[in-house]
């Protein structure tokens, strides 16, 4: 992976459907994000937080009740 901008950032290429890209661009145009990269970073962060929450919840459900 190639480094760009900040030394700690990496370039990631991805393929997405045109409709999804249009919706992403609309969020950027509305000023919710500075650019596509910021919007994608935020989406990934939400995904990871949701996954961590679900994983923690599953682990809690596996603990036997006394």
Protein backbone atom coordinates (compact mmCIF):
# COMPACT_ATOMS: atom_id res chain seq x y z
CA UNK A 1 0.00 0.00 0.00
CA UNK A 2 1.19 3.45 -0.84
CA UNK A 3 1.49 6.25 1.71
CA UNK A 4 -0.18 9.57 0.96
CA UNK A 5 -0.64 12.81 2.88
CA UNK A 6 0.08 11.96 6.49
CA UNK A 7 2.72 9.24 6.98
CA UNK A 8 0.20 7.13 8.90
CA UNK A 9 -2.36 7.09 6.07
CA UNK A 10 -2.55 4.47 3.31
CA UNK A 11 -4.26 4.49 -0.07
CA UNK A 12 -7.06 1.97 -0.49
CA UNK A 13 -8.73 1.42 -3.87
CA UNK A 14 -12.25 0.07 -4.05
CA UNK A 15 -15.05 -0.52 -6.51
CA UNK A 16 -18.52 0.75 -5.63
CA UNK A 17 -21.76 0.97 -7.60
CA UNK A 18 -22.42 4.35 -9.28
CA UNK A 19 -25.57 4.94 -7.22
CA UNK A 20 -23.65 4.50 -3.97
CA UNK A 21 -20.96 6.90 -5.18
CA UNK A 22 -23.63 9.48 -6.08
CA UNK A 23 -25.07 9.22 -2.58
CA UNK A 24 -21.61 9.59 -1.07
CA UNK A 25 -20.91 12.63 -3.24
CA UNK A 26 -24.23 14.15 -2.17
CA UNK A 27 -23.12 14.00 1.47
CA UNK A 28 -19.86 15.73 0.54
CA UNK A 29 -21.69 18.38 -1.51
CA UNK A 30 -24.01 19.07 1.45
CA UNK A 31 -20.92 19.79 3.52
CA UNK A 32 -21.28 16.84 5.89
CA UNK A 33 -17.76 15.73 4.94
CA UNK A 34 -14.79 17.58 3.44
CA UNK A 35 -14.27 14.93 0.77
CA UNK A 36 -14.95 11.32 -0.19
CA UNK A 37 -12.02 10.03 1.85
CA UNK A 38 -13.34 11.59 5.03
CA UNK A 39 -16.80 10.12 4.39
CA UNK A 40 -15.40 6.65 3.73
CA UNK A 41 -13.20 6.82 6.85
CA UNK A 42 -16.26 7.73 8.91
CA UNK A 43 -18.30 4.89 7.39
CA UNK A 44 -15.54 2.39 8.18
CA UNK A 45 -15.31 3.71 11.74
CA UNK A 46 -19.06 3.23 12.20
CA UNK A 47 -18.84 -0.30 10.80
CA UNK A 48 -15.99 -1.22 13.15
CA UNK A 49 -17.77 0.27 16.17
CA UNK A 50 -20.97 -1.60 15.32
CA UNK A 51 -19.07 -4.86 14.86
CA UNK A 52 -17.25 -4.38 18.19
CA UNK A 53 -20.57 -3.68 19.92
CA UNK A 54 -22.17 -6.79 18.40
CA UNK A 55 -19.14 -8.93 19.27
CA UNK A 56 -19.19 -7.68 22.87
CA UNK A 57 -22.92 -8.33 23.09
CA UNK A 58 -22.45 -11.88 21.80
CA UNK A 59 -19.73 -12.51 24.37
CA UNK A 60 -22.00 -11.22 27.12
CA UNK A 61 -24.78 -13.53 25.93
CA UNK A 62 -22.39 -16.50 26.14
CA UNK A 63 -21.67 -15.86 29.81
CA UNK A 64 -23.82 -18.25 31.85
CA UNK A 65 -26.36 -16.59 34.09
CA UNK A 66 -26.20 -17.55 37.77
